[in-house]
């Protein structure tokens, strides 16, 4: 989906723009079902146009809608960041980085 020049085994540190876009998507997605997030993903993809030339925030937004939609595919319930293992892992990693400084 995105064109990343970093080697696959190197962790990507999201830019502030990417973090902000993902946080906005997570707030909007809270309480949505799979069908609702699929509709939001479709709308985001349509608004983004060509993802290869889109800015990093737009690419992050589309990627986050895709991730959440995939997460809810067999979940059956609404989305909550508190039950999203990926989000909780990110929050833990950020807290650990802050405490080790």
N, C-alpha and C. Protein backbone atom coordinates (compact mmCIF):
# COMPACT_ATOMS: atom_id res chain seq x y z
N UNK A 1 0.82 -1.18 0.00
CA UNK A 1 0.00 0.00 0.00
C UNK A 1 0.87 1.25 0.00
N UNK A 2 1.79 1.34 0.95
CA UNK A 2 2.67 2.50 0.97
C UNK A 2 4.02 2.10 0.41
N UNK A 3 4.73 3.08 -0.08
CA UNK A 3 6.06 2.83 -0.63
C UNK A 3 7.07 3.21 0.43
N UNK A 4 7.67 2.22 1.06
CA UNK A 4 8.60 2.44 2.15
C UNK A 4 9.99 2.02 1.70
N UNK A 5 10.96 2.91 1.87
CA UNK A 5 12.32 2.60 1.43
C UNK A 5 13.15 1.95 2.51
N UNK A 6 12.65 1.87 3.73
CA UNK A 6 13.39 1.24 4.82
C UNK A 6 13.36 -0.28 4.65
N UNK A 7 14.45 -0.95 5.04
CA UNK A 7 14.43 -2.42 4.98
C UNK A 7 13.29 -2.98 5.82
N UNK A 8 12.77 -4.12 5.41
CA UNK A 8 11.60 -4.71 6.05
C UNK A 8 11.83 -5.04 7.52
N UNK A 9 13.05 -5.35 7.91
CA UNK A 9 13.31 -5.75 9.29
C UNK A 9 13.65 -4.59 10.21
N UNK A 10 13.58 -3.36 9.72
CA UNK A 10 13.87 -2.19 10.54
C UNK A 10 12.54 -1.57 10.98
N UNK A 11 12.33 -1.42 12.31
CA UNK A 11 11.07 -0.81 12.77
C UNK A 11 10.93 0.61 12.25
N UNK A 12 9.71 0.96 11.92
CA UNK A 12 9.40 2.31 11.42
C UNK A 12 8.87 3.14 12.58
N UNK A 13 9.53 4.24 12.86
CA UNK A 13 9.04 5.17 13.88
C UNK A 13 8.09 6.14 13.19
N UNK A 14 6.81 6.09 13.54
CA UNK A 14 5.84 6.96 12.87
C UNK A 14 6.16 8.44 13.10
N UNK A 15 5.91 9.23 12.08
CA UNK A 15 6.08 10.68 12.19
C UNK A 15 4.91 11.24 13.00
N UNK A 16 5.03 12.45 13.49
CA UNK A 16 3.89 13.07 14.19
C UNK A 16 2.64 13.12 13.33
N UNK A 17 2.79 13.37 12.02
CA UNK A 17 1.64 13.40 11.13
C UNK A 17 0.97 12.03 11.04
N UNK A 18 1.77 10.96 10.98
CA UNK A 18 1.22 9.60 10.93
C UNK A 18 0.51 9.26 12.24
N UNK A 19 1.12 9.60 13.35
CA UNK A 19 0.49 9.33 14.66
C UNK A 19 -0.85 10.06 14.78
N UNK A 20 -0.85 11.31 14.38
CA UNK A 20 -2.07 12.11 14.47
C UNK A 20 -3.18 11.51 13.60
N UNK A 21 -2.82 11.09 12.38
CA UNK A 21 -3.82 10.49 11.49
C UNK A 21 -4.37 9.21 12.08
N UNK A 22 -3.50 8.36 12.61
CA UNK A 22 -3.96 7.09 13.21
C UNK A 22 -4.83 7.35 14.43
N UNK A 23 -4.45 8.32 15.25
CA UNK A 23 -5.25 8.64 16.43
C UNK A 23 -6.64 9.13 16.04
N UNK A 24 -6.71 9.97 14.99
CA UNK A 24 -8.02 10.46 14.51
C UNK A 24 -8.89 9.29 14.05
N UNK A 25 -8.30 8.36 13.32
CA UNK A 25 -9.06 7.21 12.83
C UNK A 25 -9.56 6.38 14.01
N UNK A 26 -8.69 6.14 14.99
CA UNK A 26 -9.08 5.33 16.15
C UNK A 26 -10.23 5.98 16.92
N UNK A 27 -10.18 7.30 17.06
CA UNK A 27 -11.28 7.99 17.75
C UNK A 27 -12.58 7.86 16.96
N UNK A 28 -12.49 8.03 15.65
CA UNK A 28 -13.69 7.91 14.81
C UNK A 28 -14.22 6.49 14.79
N UNK A 29 -13.32 5.51 14.82
CA UNK A 29 -13.73 4.10 14.70
C UNK A 29 -14.33 3.55 15.97
N UNK A 30 -14.09 4.21 17.08
CA UNK A 30 -14.60 3.69 18.35
C UNK A 30 -16.10 3.49 18.29
N UNK A 31 -16.53 2.26 18.58
CA UNK A 31 -17.94 1.90 18.56
C UNK A 31 -18.46 1.43 17.22
N UNK A 32 -17.64 1.54 16.16
CA UNK A 32 -18.07 1.11 14.83
C UNK A 32 -17.98 -0.42 14.69
N UNK A 33 -18.83 -0.94 13.84
CA UNK A 33 -18.80 -2.35 13.49
C UNK A 33 -17.92 -2.54 12.25
N UNK A 34 -17.72 -3.80 11.88
CA UNK A 34 -16.92 -4.09 10.69
C UNK A 34 -17.49 -3.40 9.45
N UNK A 35 -18.79 -3.47 9.25
CA UNK A 35 -19.39 -2.87 8.06
C UNK A 35 -19.20 -1.36 8.04
N UNK A 36 -19.28 -0.74 9.19
CA UNK A 36 -19.09 0.71 9.26
C UNK A 36 -17.64 1.10 8.97
N UNK A 37 -16.69 0.32 9.50
CA UNK A 37 -15.29 0.64 9.22
C UNK A 37 -14.95 0.36 7.76
N UNK A 38 -15.57 -0.66 7.18
CA UNK A 38 -15.34 -0.95 5.76
C UNK A 38 -15.83 0.23 4.90
N UNK A 39 -16.95 0.82 5.27
CA UNK A 39 -17.45 1.99 4.55
C UNK A 39 -16.51 3.18 4.73
N UNK A 40 -16.00 3.36 5.95
CA UNK A 40 -15.07 4.45 6.21
C UNK A 40 -13.76 4.24 5.44
N UNK A 41 -13.30 2.99 5.36
CA UNK A 41 -12.10 2.68 4.58
C UNK A 41 -12.32 3.03 3.12
N UNK A 42 -13.45 2.63 2.58
CA UNK A 42 -13.76 2.92 1.17
C UNK A 42 -13.77 4.43 0.93
N UNK A 43 -14.35 5.18 1.85
CA UNK A 43 -14.40 6.64 1.71
C UNK A 43 -13.00 7.24 1.79
N UNK A 44 -12.18 6.74 2.71
CA UNK A 44 -10.81 7.24 2.86
C UNK A 44 -9.98 6.94 1.62
N UNK A 45 -10.15 5.75 1.07
CA UNK A 45 -9.43 5.39 -0.16
C UNK A 45 -9.85 6.29 -1.32
N UNK A 46 -11.14 6.55 -1.41
CA UNK A 46 -11.64 7.43 -2.46
C UNK A 46 -11.11 8.85 -2.32
N UNK A 47 -11.08 9.34 -1.10
CA UNK A 47 -10.58 10.70 -0.86
C UNK A 47 -9.08 10.80 -1.08
N UNK A 48 -8.36 9.71 -0.83
CA UNK A 48 -6.90 9.72 -0.95
C UNK A 48 -6.45 9.76 -2.39
N UNK A 49 -7.20 9.15 -3.27
CA UNK A 49 -6.76 9.06 -4.66
C UNK A 49 -5.59 8.09 -4.78
N UNK A 50 -4.54 8.50 -5.46
CA UNK A 50 -3.36 7.67 -5.66
C UNK A 50 -2.53 7.65 -4.38
N UNK A 51 -2.51 6.52 -3.70
CA UNK A 51 -1.76 6.43 -2.43
C UNK A 51 -0.26 6.58 -2.62
N UNK A 52 0.25 6.26 -3.78
CA UNK A 52 1.69 6.40 -4.03
C UNK A 52 2.12 7.86 -3.96
N UNK A 53 1.24 8.76 -4.31
CA UNK A 53 1.59 10.18 -4.30
C UNK A 53 0.96 10.93 -3.13
N UNK A 54 0.18 10.24 -2.31
CA UNK A 54 -0.49 10.88 -1.16
C UNK A 54 0.53 11.19 -0.07
N UNK A 55 0.22 12.16 0.76
CA UNK A 55 1.12 12.49 1.87
C UNK A 55 1.08 11.39 2.92
N UNK A 56 2.05 11.41 3.82
CA UNK A 56 2.18 10.32 4.80
C UNK A 56 0.99 10.24 5.75
N UNK A 57 0.38 11.35 6.08
CA UNK A 57 -0.80 11.32 6.95
C UNK A 57 -1.98 10.63 6.28
N UNK A 58 -2.17 10.90 5.01
CA UNK A 58 -3.24 10.25 4.25
C UNK A 58 -3.00 8.75 4.14
N UNK A 59 -1.76 8.38 3.84
CA UNK A 59 -1.43 6.95 3.75
C UNK A 59 -1.63 6.27 5.09
N UNK A 60 -1.25 6.93 6.18
CA UNK A 60 -1.42 6.36 7.52
C UNK A 60 -2.90 6.21 7.85
N UNK A 61 -3.71 7.19 7.46
CA UNK A 61 -5.15 7.12 7.71
C UNK A 61 -5.77 5.92 7.00
N UNK A 62 -5.45 5.75 5.74
CA UNK A 62 -6.00 4.63 4.97
C UNK A 62 -5.51 3.31 5.56
N UNK A 63 -4.23 3.24 5.90
CA UNK A 63 -3.67 2.02 6.47
C UNK A 63 -4.34 1.67 7.80
N UNK A 64 -4.63 2.68 8.61
CA UNK A 64 -5.26 2.42 9.91
C UNK A 64 -6.70 1.96 9.73
N UNK A 65 -7.43 2.56 8.78
CA UNK A 65 -8.79 2.07 8.50
C UNK A 65 -8.73 0.63 8.03
N UNK A 66 -7.74 0.29 7.19
CA UNK A 66 -7.60 -1.08 6.70
C UNK A 66 -7.31 -2.03 7.86
N UNK A 67 -6.39 -1.65 8.74
CA UNK A 67 -6.02 -2.50 9.87
C UNK A 67 -7.21 -2.75 10.78
N UNK A 68 -7.96 -1.70 11.10
CA UNK A 68 -9.11 -1.84 11.99
C UNK A 68 -10.22 -2.66 11.32
N UNK A 69 -10.44 -2.44 10.04
CA UNK A 69 -11.44 -3.22 9.31
C UNK A 69 -11.06 -4.69 9.32
N UNK A 70 -9.79 -4.98 9.08
CA UNK A 70 -9.32 -6.37 9.12
C UNK A 70 -9.48 -6.96 10.52
N UNK A 71 -9.18 -6.17 11.54
CA UNK A 71 -9.31 -6.63 12.92
C UNK A 71 -10.75 -7.02 13.25
N UNK A 72 -11.69 -6.24 12.75
CA UNK A 72 -13.10 -6.49 13.06
C UNK A 72 -13.75 -7.53 12.17
N UNK A 73 -13.04 -8.02 11.16
CA UNK A 73 -13.63 -8.95 10.20
C UNK A 73 -14.34 -10.11 10.88
N UNK A 74 -13.70 -10.74 11.84
CA UNK A 74 -14.33 -11.88 12.52
C UNK A 74 -14.60 -11.60 14.00
N UNK A 75 -14.54 -10.33 14.36
CA UNK A 75 -14.70 -9.93 15.76
C UNK A 75 -16.16 -9.92 16.18
N UNK A 76 -17.02 -9.34 15.35
CA UNK A 76 -18.44 -9.31 15.63
C UNK A 76 -18.90 -8.13 16.46
N UNK A 77 -18.02 -7.53 17.23
CA UNK A 77 -18.42 -6.42 18.08
C UNK A 77 -17.87 -5.10 17.57
N UNK A 78 -18.17 -4.05 18.29
CA UNK A 78 -17.66 -2.73 17.89
C UNK A 78 -16.18 -2.58 18.26
N UNK A 79 -15.52 -1.65 17.59
CA UNK A 79 -14.11 -1.37 17.82
C UNK A 79 -13.92 -0.56 19.10
N UNK A 80 -12.93 -0.94 19.88
CA UNK A 80 -12.48 -0.14 21.02
C UNK A 80 -10.96 -0.21 21.08
N UNK A 81 -10.28 0.93 21.22
CA UNK A 81 -8.83 0.92 21.33
C UNK A 81 -8.34 0.11 22.53
N UNK A 82 -9.14 0.06 23.58
CA UNK A 82 -8.74 -0.68 24.78
C UNK A 82 -8.62 -2.18 24.51
N UNK A 83 -9.37 -2.70 23.53
CA UNK A 83 -9.33 -4.12 23.20
C UNK A 83 -8.45 -4.40 21.98
N UNK A 84 -7.78 -3.38 21.47
CA UNK A 84 -6.92 -3.52 20.28
C UNK A 84 -5.49 -3.77 20.75
N UNK A 85 -5.03 -5.01 20.59
CA UNK A 85 -3.70 -5.39 21.06
C UNK A 85 -2.60 -4.56 20.41
N UNK A 86 -2.76 -4.20 19.14
CA UNK A 86 -1.77 -3.39 18.44
C UNK A 86 -1.64 -2.01 19.10
N UNK A 87 -2.76 -1.39 19.37
CA UNK A 87 -2.76 -0.06 20.00
C UNK A 87 -2.17 -0.15 21.40
N UNK A 88 -2.57 -1.14 22.15
CA UNK A 88 -2.05 -1.28 23.51
C UNK A 88 -0.54 -1.52 23.50
N UNK A 89 -0.04 -2.28 22.53
CA UNK A 89 1.39 -2.50 22.39
C UNK A 89 2.13 -1.20 22.07
N UNK A 90 1.56 -0.38 21.20
CA UNK A 90 2.16 0.91 20.88
C UNK A 90 2.22 1.81 22.11
N UNK A 91 1.13 1.85 22.85
CA UNK A 91 1.11 2.70 24.05
C UNK A 91 2.14 2.25 25.08
N UNK A 92 2.28 0.95 25.26
CA UNK A 92 3.27 0.40 26.19
C UNK A 92 4.68 0.75 25.73
N UNK A 93 4.95 0.60 24.43
CA UNK A 93 6.28 0.91 23.91
C UNK A 93 6.60 2.39 24.09
N UNK A 94 5.65 3.26 23.83
CA UNK A 94 5.87 4.71 24.02
C UNK A 94 6.14 5.03 25.48
N UNK A 95 5.38 4.42 26.37
CA UNK A 95 5.59 4.66 27.80
C UNK A 95 6.96 4.16 28.25
N UNK A 96 7.38 3.01 27.73
CA UNK A 96 8.70 2.48 28.08
C UNK A 96 9.81 3.37 27.56
N UNK A 97 9.66 3.93 26.34
CA UNK A 97 10.67 4.84 25.80
C UNK A 97 10.76 6.10 26.65
N UNK A 98 9.61 6.62 27.06
CA UNK A 98 9.61 7.85 27.89
C UNK A 98 10.27 7.60 29.24
N UNK A 99 10.01 6.45 29.84
CA UNK A 99 10.55 6.17 31.17
C UNK A 99 12.04 5.84 31.13
N UNK A 100 12.56 5.44 29.96
CA UNK A 100 13.98 5.09 29.88
C UNK A 100 14.85 6.28 29.51
N UNK A 101 14.24 7.42 29.28
CA UNK A 101 15.02 8.62 28.91
C UNK A 101 15.55 9.31 30.11
